[in-house]
Amino acid sequence: PLYSLDNPELGIAENYTHSSDFTEWEFIIRK
């Protein structure tokens, strides 16, 4: 998956951020 909240280590994204109103979500993909 892009990201797994239950198992973050299994997703291809290593981190994420979101806007204060939760309308924008940015993901950093593992290299």
PDB file of all heavy atoms in Angstrom:
ATOM      1  N   PRO A   1       0.833  -1.204   0.000  1.00  0.00           N
ATOM      2  CA  PRO A   1       0.000   0.000   0.000  1.00  0.00           C
ATOM      3  C   PRO A   1       0.866   1.252   0.000  1.00  0.00           C
ATOM      4  O   PRO A   1       2.078   1.178   0.254  1.00  0.00           O
ATOM      5  CB  PRO A   1      -0.769  -0.124   1.322  1.00  0.00           C
ATOM      6  CG  PRO A   1       0.220  -0.820   2.230  1.00  0.00           C
ATOM      7  CD  PRO A   1       0.973  -1.782   1.342  1.00  0.00           C
ATOM      8  N   LEU A   2       0.261   2.371  -0.293  1.00  0.00           N
ATOM      9  CA  LEU A   2       0.983   3.638  -0.138  1.00  0.00           C
ATOM     10  C   LEU A   2       1.361   3.830   1.323  1.00  0.00           C
ATOM     11  O   LEU A   2       2.515   4.156   1.640  1.00  0.00           O
ATOM     12  CB  LEU A   2       0.113   4.806  -0.623  1.00  0.00           C
ATOM     13  CG  LEU A   2       0.655   6.208  -0.344  1.00  0.00           C
ATOM     14  CD1 LEU A   2       2.017   6.412  -0.998  1.00  0.00           C
ATOM     15  CD2 LEU A   2      -0.344   7.269  -0.798  1.00  0.00           C
ATOM     16  N   TYR A   3       0.393   3.608   2.205  1.00  0.00           N
ATOM     17  CA  TYR A   3       0.652   3.765   3.639  1.00  0.00           C
ATOM     18  C   TYR A   3      -0.305   2.872   4.415  1.00  0.00           C
ATOM     19  O   TYR A   3      -1.461   2.712   4.035  1.00  0.00           O
ATOM     20  CB  TYR A   3       0.470   5.223   4.079  1.00  0.00           C
ATOM     21  CG  TYR A   3       1.038   5.516   5.441  1.00  0.00           C
ATOM     22  CD1 TYR A   3       2.386   5.818   5.598  1.00  0.00           C
ATOM     23  CD2 TYR A   3       0.239   5.476   6.579  1.00  0.00           C
ATOM     24  CE1 TYR A   3       2.926   6.078   6.852  1.00  0.00           C
ATOM     25  CE2 TYR A   3       0.771   5.723   7.829  1.00  0.00           C
ATOM     26  CZ  TYR A   3       2.110   6.021   7.961  1.00  0.00           C
ATOM     27  OH  TYR A   3       2.644   6.271   9.205  1.00  0.00           O
ATOM     28  N   SER A   4       0.210   2.286   5.494  1.00  0.00           N
ATOM     29  CA  SER A   4      -0.605   1.464   6.385  1.00  0.00           C
ATOM     30  C   SER A   4      -0.474   2.015   7.794  1.00  0.00           C
ATOM     31  O   SER A   4       0.611   1.984   8.374  1.00  0.00           O
ATOM     32  CB  SER A   4      -0.155   0.005   6.342  1.00  0.00           C
ATOM     33  OG  SER A   4      -0.807  -0.751   7.343  1.00  0.00           O
ATOM     34  N   LEU A   5      -1.560   2.529   8.337  1.00  0.00           N
ATOM     35  CA  LEU A   5      -1.508   3.108   9.672  1.00  0.00           C
ATOM     36  C   LEU A   5      -1.233   2.041  10.717  1.00  0.00           C
ATOM     37  O   LEU A   5      -0.531   2.295  11.706  1.00  0.00           O
ATOM     38  CB  LEU A   5      -2.826   3.828   9.983  1.00  0.00           C
ATOM     39  CG  LEU A   5      -2.820   4.763  11.203  1.00  0.00           C
ATOM     40  CD1 LEU A   5      -1.811   5.895  11.010  1.00  0.00           C
ATOM     41  CD2 LEU A   5      -4.216   5.337  11.437  1.00  0.00           C
ATOM     42  N   ASP A   6      -1.756   0.827  10.531  1.00  0.00           N
ATOM     43  CA  ASP A   6      -1.531  -0.260  11.484  1.00  0.00           C
ATOM     44  C   ASP A   6      -0.103  -0.799  11.406  1.00  0.00           C
ATOM     45  O   ASP A   6       0.474  -1.189  12.418  1.00  0.00           O
ATOM     46  CB  ASP A   6      -2.530  -1.402  11.244  1.00  0.00           C
ATOM     47  CG  ASP A   6      -3.949  -1.006  11.583  1.00  0.00           C
ATOM     48  OD1 ASP A   6      -4.118  -0.113  12.435  1.00  0.00           O
ATOM     49  OD2 ASP A   6      -4.879  -1.574  10.987  1.00  0.00           O
ATOM     50  N   ASN A   7       0.449  -0.850  10.191  1.00  0.00           N
ATOM     51  CA  ASN A   7       1.816  -1.361   9.988  1.00  0.00           C
ATOM     52  C   ASN A   7       2.567  -0.400   9.070  1.00  0.00           C
ATOM     53  O   ASN A   7       2.784  -0.699   7.886  1.00  0.00           O
ATOM     54  CB  ASN A   7       1.779  -2.762   9.377  1.00  0.00           C
ATOM     55  CG  ASN A   7       1.092  -3.770  10.263  1.00  0.00           C
ATOM     56  OD1 ASN A   7       1.638  -4.205  11.265  1.00  0.00           O
ATOM     57  ND2 ASN A   7      -0.130  -4.140   9.882  1.00  0.00           N
ATOM     58  N   PRO A   8       3.002   0.750   9.591  1.00  0.00           N
ATOM     59  CA  PRO A   8       3.647   1.766   8.749  1.00  0.00           C
ATOM     60  C   PRO A   8       4.870   1.261   7.999  1.00  0.00           C
ATOM     61  O   PRO A   8       5.173   1.737   6.903  1.00  0.00           O
ATOM     62  CB  PRO A   8       4.029   2.861   9.754  1.00  0.00           C
ATOM     63  CG  PRO A   8       3.107   2.671  10.911  1.00  0.00           C
ATOM     64  CD  PRO A   8       2.874   1.191  10.990  1.00  0.00           C
ATOM     65  N   GLU A   9       5.573   0.272   8.578  1.00  0.00           N
ATOM     66  CA  GLU A   9       6.785  -0.225   7.939  1.00  0.00           C
ATOM     67  C   GLU A   9       6.498  -0.985   6.645  1.00  0.00           C
ATOM     68  O   GLU A   9       7.399  -1.218   5.835  1.00  0.00           O
ATOM     69  CB  GLU A   9       7.569  -1.138   8.901  1.00  0.00           C
ATOM     70  CG  GLU A   9       6.928  -2.463   9.215  1.00  0.00           C
ATOM     71  CD  GLU A   9       5.827  -2.387  10.268  1.00  0.00           C
ATOM     72  OE1 GLU A   9       5.511  -1.267  10.723  1.00  0.00           O
ATOM     73  OE2 GLU A   9       5.278  -3.441  10.625  1.00  0.00           O
ATOM     74  N   LEU A  10       5.238  -1.386   6.409  1.00  0.00           N
ATOM     75  CA  LEU A  10       4.901  -2.168   5.223  1.00  0.00           C
ATOM     76  C   LEU A  10       4.489  -1.302   4.035  1.00  0.00           C
ATOM     77  O   LEU A  10       4.373  -1.804   2.921  1.00  0.00           O
ATOM     78  CB  LEU A  10       3.771  -3.155   5.543  1.00  0.00           C
ATOM     79  CG  LEU A  10       4.038  -4.166   6.663  1.00  0.00           C
ATOM     80  CD1 LEU A  10       2.874  -5.131   6.796  1.00  0.00           C
ATOM     81  CD2 LEU A  10       5.335  -4.931   6.411  1.00  0.00           C
ATOM     82  N   GLY A  11       4.255  -0.020   4.251  1.00  0.00           N
ATOM     83  CA  GLY A  11       3.857   0.876   3.168  1.00  0.00           C
ATOM     84  C   GLY A  11       5.058   1.436   2.430  1.00  0.00           C
ATOM     85  O   GLY A  11       6.177   1.464   2.959  1.00  0.00           O
ATOM     86  N   ILE A  12       4.840   1.913   1.195  1.00  0.00           N
ATOM     87  CA  ILE A  12       5.948   2.473   0.429  1.00  0.00           C
ATOM     88  C   ILE A  12       6.255   3.907   0.850  1.00  0.00           C
ATOM     89  O   ILE A  12       7.324   4.426   0.516  1.00  0.00           O
ATOM     90  CB  ILE A  12       5.675   2.407  -1.083  1.00  0.00           C
ATOM     91  CG1 ILE A  12       4.538   3.356  -1.466  1.00  0.00           C
ATOM     92  CG2 ILE A  12       5.359   0.990  -1.522  1.00  0.00           C
ATOM     93  CD1 ILE A  12       4.419   3.568  -2.958  1.00  0.00           C
ATOM     94  N   ALA A  13       5.351   4.546   1.571  1.00  0.00           N
ATOM     95  CA  ALA A  13       5.600   5.904   2.064  1.00  0.00           C
ATOM     96  C   ALA A  13       6.198   5.835   3.464  1.00  0.00           C
ATOM     97  O   ALA A  13       5.699   5.125   4.334  1.00  0.00           O
ATOM     98  CB  ALA A  13       4.311   6.712   2.086  1.00  0.00           C
ATOM     99  N   GLU A  14       7.272   6.562   3.678  1.00  0.00           N
ATOM    100  CA  GLU A  14       7.921   6.552   4.985  1.00  0.00           C
ATOM    101  C   GLU A  14       7.389   7.631   5.908  1.00  0.00           C
ATOM    102  O   GLU A  14       7.584   7.578   7.123  1.00  0.00           O
ATOM    103  CB  GLU A  14       9.437   6.719   4.823  1.00  0.00           C
ATOM    104  CG  GLU A  14       9.851   8.038   4.185  1.00  0.00           C
ATOM    105  CD  GLU A  14      11.353   8.120   3.976  1.00  0.00           C
ATOM    106  OE1 GLU A  14      12.033   7.135   4.327  1.00  0.00           O
ATOM    107  OE2 GLU A  14      11.830   9.147   3.472  1.00  0.00           O
ATOM    108  N   ASN A  15       6.691   8.616   5.337  1.00  0.00           N
ATOM    109  CA  ASN A  15       6.183   9.712   6.168  1.00  0.00           C
ATOM    110  C   ASN A  15       5.070  10.438   5.416  1.00  0.00           C
ATOM    111  O   ASN A  15       4.923  10.288   4.201  1.00  0.00           O
ATOM    112  CB  ASN A  15       7.311  10.684   6.506  1.00  0.00           C
ATOM    113  CG  ASN A  15       6.991  11.522   7.740  1.00  0.00           C
ATOM    114  OD1 ASN A  15       5.913  11.385   8.340  1.00  0.00           O
ATOM    115  ND2 ASN A  15       7.911  12.386   8.113  1.00  0.00           N
ATOM    116  N   TYR A  16       4.309  11.229   6.161  1.00  0.00           N
ATOM    117  CA  TYR A  16       3.256  12.027   5.540  1.00  0.00           C
ATOM    118  C   TYR A  16       2.985  13.268   6.375  1.00  0.00           C
ATOM    119  O   TYR A  16       3.306  13.328   7.568  1.00  0.00           O
ATOM    120  CB  TYR A  16       1.968  11.212   5.381  1.00  0.00           C
ATOM    121  CG  TYR A  16       1.263  10.898   6.685  1.00  0.00           C
ATOM    122  CD1 TYR A  16       0.272  11.746   7.190  1.00  0.00           C
ATOM    123  CD2 TYR A  16       1.580   9.758   7.425  1.00  0.00           C
ATOM    124  CE1 TYR A  16      -0.381  11.464   8.391  1.00  0.00           C
ATOM    125  CE2 TYR A  16       0.946   9.470   8.607  1.00  0.00           C
ATOM    126  CZ  TYR A  16      -0.032  10.321   9.084  1.00  0.00           C
ATOM    127  OH  TYR A  16      -0.658  10.039  10.280  1.00  0.00           O
ATOM    128  N   THR A  17       2.398  14.274   5.735  1.00  0.00           N
ATOM    129  CA  THR A  17       1.928  15.483   6.416  1.00  0.00           C
ATOM    130  C   THR A  17       0.552  15.828   5.846  1.00  0.00           C
ATOM    131  O   THR A  17       0.170  15.344   4.774  1.00  0.00           O
ATOM    132  CB  THR A  17       2.883  16.661   6.195  1.00  0.00           C
ATOM    133  OG1 THR A  17       3.012  16.914   4.780  1.00  0.00           O
ATOM    134  CG2 THR A  17       4.264  16.376   6.783  1.00  0.00           C
ATOM    135  N   HIS A  18      -0.172  16.651   6.578  1.00  0.00           N
ATOM    136  CA  HIS A  18      -1.482  17.094   6.085  1.00  0.00           C
ATOM    137  C   HIS A  18      -1.694  18.554   6.452  1.00  0.00           C
ATOM    138  O   HIS A  18      -1.060  19.093   7.376  1.00  0.00           O
ATOM    139  CB  HIS A  18      -2.608  16.230   6.654  1.00  0.00           C
ATOM    140  CG  HIS A  18      -2.670  16.206   8.153  1.00  0.00           C
ATOM    141  ND1 HIS A  18      -3.166  17.261   8.897  1.00  0.00           N
ATOM    142  CD2 HIS A  18      -2.290  15.258   9.053  1.00  0.00           C
ATOM    143  CE1 HIS A  18      -3.102  16.956  10.179  1.00  0.00           C
ATOM    144  NE2 HIS A  18      -2.564  15.747  10.302  1.00  0.00           N
ATOM    145  N   SER A  19      -2.573  19.201   5.726  1.00  0.00           N
ATOM    146  CA  SER A  19      -2.908  20.594   6.016  1.00  0.00           C
ATOM    147  C   SER A  19      -3.739  20.670   7.292  1.00  0.00           C
ATOM    148  O   SER A  19      -4.283  19.673   7.767  1.00  0.00           O
ATOM    149  CB  SER A  19      -3.676  21.204   4.843  1.00  0.00           C
ATOM    150  OG  SER A  19      -4.885  20.497   4.622  1.00  0.00           O
ATOM    151  N   SER A  20      -3.851  21.849   7.845  1.00  0.00           N
ATOM    152  CA  SER A  20      -4.575  22.016   9.109  1.00  0.00           C
ATOM    153  C   SER A  20      -6.051  21.665   8.988  1.00  0.00           C
ATOM    154  O   SER A  20      -6.680  21.271   9.969  1.00  0.00           O
ATOM    155  CB  SER A  20      -4.415  23.460   9.607  1.00  0.00           C
ATOM    156  OG  SER A  20      -4.896  24.380   8.633  1.00  0.00           O
ATOM    157  N   ASP A  21      -6.601  21.779   7.770  1.00  0.00           N
ATOM    158  CA  ASP A  21      -8.024  21.456   7.592  1.00  0.00           C
ATOM    159  C   ASP A  21      -8.242  20.055   7.017  1.00  0.00           C
ATOM    160  O   ASP A  21      -9.362  19.689   6.657  1.00  0.00           O
ATOM    161  CB  ASP A  21      -8.696  22.509   6.692  1.00  0.00           C
ATOM    162  CG  ASP A  21      -8.122  22.515   5.286  1.00  0.00           C
ATOM    163  OD1 ASP A  21      -7.105  21.815   5.045  1.00  0.00           O
ATOM    164  OD2 ASP A  21      -8.681  23.224   4.425  1.00  0.00           O
ATOM    165  N   PHE A  22      -7.166  19.272   6.894  1.00  0.00           N
ATOM    166  CA  PHE A  22      -7.229  17.883   6.445  1.00  0.00           C
ATOM    167  C   PHE A  22      -7.736  17.726   5.007  1.00  0.00           C
ATOM    168  O   PHE A  22      -8.269  16.677   4.647  1.00  0.00           O
ATOM    169  CB  PHE A  22      -8.112  17.042   7.375  1.00  0.00           C
ATOM    170  CG  PHE A  22      -7.601  16.955   8.780  1.00  0.00           C
ATOM    171  CD1 PHE A  22      -8.118  17.786   9.769  1.00  0.00           C
ATOM    172  CD2 PHE A  22      -6.582  16.079   9.119  1.00  0.00           C
ATOM    173  CE1 PHE A  22      -7.648  17.719  11.076  1.00  0.00           C
ATOM    174  CE2 PHE A  22      -6.105  16.009  10.414  1.00  0.00           C
ATOM    175  CZ  PHE A  22      -6.633  16.828  11.402  1.00  0.00           C
ATOM    176  N   THR A  23      -7.543  18.739   4.173  1.00  0.00           N
ATOM    177  CA  THR A  23      -7.943  18.628   2.762  1.00  0.00           C
ATOM    178  C   THR A  23      -6.769  18.281   1.861  1.00  0.00           C
ATOM    179  O   THR A  23      -6.975  17.884   0.705  1.00  0.00           O
ATOM    180  CB  THR A  23      -8.585  19.928   2.260  1.00  0.00           C
ATOM    181  OG1 THR A  23      -7.659  21.009   2.426  1.00  0.00           O
ATOM    182  CG2 THR A  23      -9.878  20.229   3.014  1.00  0.00           C
ATOM    183  N   GLU A  24      -5.530  18.460   2.362  1.00  0.00           N
ATOM    184  CA  GLU A  24      -4.347  18.153   1.570  1.00  0.00           C
ATOM    185  C   GLU A  24      -3.441  17.207   2.347  1.00  0.00           C
ATOM    186  O   GLU A  24      -3.139  17.448   3.518  1.00  0.00           O
ATOM    187  CB  GLU A  24      -3.583  19.432   1.207  1.00  0.00           C
ATOM    188  CG  GLU A  24      -4.377  20.386   0.323  1.00  0.00           C
ATOM    189  CD  GLU A  24      -3.565  21.594  -0.094  1.00  0.00           C
ATOM    190  OE1 GLU A  24      -2.348  21.622   0.212  1.00  0.00           O
ATOM    191  OE2 GLU A  24      -4.132  22.506  -0.722  1.00  0.00           O
ATOM    192  N   TRP A  25      -3.038  16.122   1.663  1.00  0.00           N
ATOM    193  CA  TRP A  25      -2.186  15.110   2.289  1.00  0.00           C
ATOM    194  C   TRP A  25      -0.978  14.862   1.393  1.00  0.00           C
ATOM    195  O   TRP A  25      -1.133  14.529   0.213  1.00  0.00           O
ATOM    196  CB  TRP A  25      -2.956  13.804   2.476  1.00  0.00           C
ATOM    197  CG  TRP A  25      -4.091  13.910   3.459  1.00  0.00           C
ATOM    198  CD1 TRP A  25      -5.306  14.503   3.256  1.00  0.00           C
ATOM    199  CD2 TRP A  25      -4.110  13.404   4.793  1.00  0.00           C
ATOM    200  NE1 TRP A  25      -6.089  14.396   4.371  1.00  0.00           N
ATOM    201  CE2 TRP A  25      -5.374  13.717   5.345  1.00  0.00           C
ATOM    202  CE3 TRP A  25      -3.200  12.698   5.570  1.00  0.00           C
ATOM    203  CZ2 TRP A  25      -5.735  13.359   6.636  1.00  0.00           C
ATOM    204  CZ3 TRP A  25      -3.548  12.333   6.857  1.00  0.00           C
ATOM    205  CH2 TRP A  25      -4.807  12.670   7.381  1.00  0.00           C
ATOM    206  N   GLU A  26       0.216  15.016   1.951  1.00  0.00           N
ATOM    207  CA  GLU A  26       1.446  14.806   1.189  1.00  0.00           C
ATOM    208  C   GLU A  26       2.210  13.610   1.753  1.00  0.00           C
ATOM    209  O   GLU A  26       2.353  13.469   2.973  1.00  0.00           O
ATOM    210  CB  GLU A  26       2.323  16.055   1.240  1.00  0.00           C
ATOM    211  CG  GLU A  26       3.598  15.927   0.419  1.00  0.00           C
ATOM    212  CD  GLU A  26       4.428  17.186   0.419  1.00  0.00           C
ATOM    213  OE1 GLU A  26       3.836  18.287   0.586  1.00  0.00           O
ATOM    214  OE2 GLU A  26       5.663  17.094   0.278  1.00  0.00           O
ATOM    215  N   PHE A  27       2.724  12.760   0.849  1.00  0.00           N
ATOM    216  CA  PHE A  27       3.429  11.546   1.251  1.00  0.00           C
ATOM    217  C   PHE A  27       4.840  11.540   0.672  1.00  0.00           C
ATOM    218  O   PHE A  27       5.048  11.907  -0.487  1.00  0.00           O
ATOM    219  CB  PHE A  27       2.675  10.303   0.776  1.00  0.00           C
ATOM    220  CG  PHE A  27       1.335  10.130   1.433  1.00  0.00           C
ATOM    221  CD1 PHE A  27       0.215  10.772   0.913  1.00  0.00           C
ATOM    222  CD2 PHE A  27       1.195   9.345   2.572  1.00  0.00           C
ATOM    223  CE1 PHE A  27      -1.021  10.628   1.519  1.00  0.00           C
ATOM    224  CE2 PHE A  27      -0.041   9.196   3.187  1.00  0.00           C
ATOM    225  CZ  PHE A  27      -1.144   9.835   2.660  1.00  0.00           C
ATOM    226  N   ILE A  28       5.798  11.104   1.498  1.00  0.00           N
ATOM    227  CA  ILE A  28       7.182  10.945   1.093  1.00  0.00           C
ATOM    228  C   ILE A  28       7.445   9.456   0.874  1.00  0.00           C
ATOM    229  O   ILE A  28       7.285   8.650   1.794  1.00  0.00           O
ATOM    230  CB  ILE A  28       8.157  11.494   2.152  1.00  0.00           C
ATOM    231  CG1 ILE A  28       7.784  12.921   2.542  1.00  0.00           C
ATOM    232  CG2 ILE A  28       9.589  11.414   1.640  1.00  0.00           C
ATOM    233  CD1 ILE A  28       7.833  13.904   1.403  1.00  0.00           C
ATOM    234  N   ILE A  29       7.833   9.096  -0.335  1.00  0.00           N
ATOM    235  CA  ILE A  29       8.023   7.685  -0.698  1.00  0.00           C
ATOM    236  C   ILE A  29       9.451   7.245  -0.398  1.00  0.00           C
ATOM    237  O   ILE A  29      10.415   7.987  -0.632  1.00  0.00           O
ATOM    238  CB  ILE A  29       7.684   7.481  -2.180  1.00  0.00           C
ATOM    239  CG1 ILE A  29       6.195   7.787  -2.400  1.00  0.00           C
ATOM    240  CG2 ILE A  29       8.000   6.049  -2.630  1.00  0.00           C
ATOM    241  CD1 ILE A  29       5.779   7.789  -3.843  1.00  0.00           C
ATOM    242  N   ARG A  30       9.576   6.036   0.121  1.00  0.00           N
ATOM    243  CA  ARG A  30      10.898   5.474   0.414  1.00  0.00           C
ATOM    244  C   ARG A  30      11.723   5.372  -0.873  1.00  0.00           C
ATOM    245  O   ARG A  30      11.206   5.020  -1.925  1.00  0.00           O
ATOM    246  CB  ARG A  30      10.760   4.061   1.009  1.00  0.00           C
ATOM    247  CG  ARG A  30       9.875   3.968   2.233  1.00  0.00           C
ATOM    248  CD  ARG A  30       9.718   2.514   2.661  1.00  0.00           C
ATOM    249  NE  ARG A  30       8.647   2.373   3.617  1.00  0.00           N
ATOM    250  CZ  ARG A  30       8.801   2.509   4.938  1.00  0.00           C
ATOM    251  NH1 ARG A  30      10.009   2.777   5.414  1.00  0.00           N
ATOM    252  NH2 ARG A  30       7.781   2.363   5.753  1.00  0.00           N
ATOM    253  N   LYS A  31      13.020   5.609  -0.740  1.00  0.00           N
ATOM    254  CA  LYS A  31      13.910   5.503  -1.898  1.00  0.00           C
ATOM    255  C   LYS A  31      14.550   4.122  -2.000  1.00  0.00           C
ATOM    256  O   LYS A  31      15.344   3.877  -2.920  1.00  0.00           O
ATOM    257  CB  LYS A  31      14.973   6.592  -1.839  1.00  0.00           C
ATOM    258  CG  LYS A  31      14.380   7.998  -1.979  1.00  0.00           C
ATOM    259  CD  LYS A  31      15.445   9.074  -2.033  1.00  0.00           C
ATOM    260  CE  LYS A  31      14.804  10.446  -2.199  1.00  0.00           C
ATOM    261  NZ  LYS A  31      15.832  11.519  -2.246  1.00  0.00           N
TER     262      LYS A  31
END
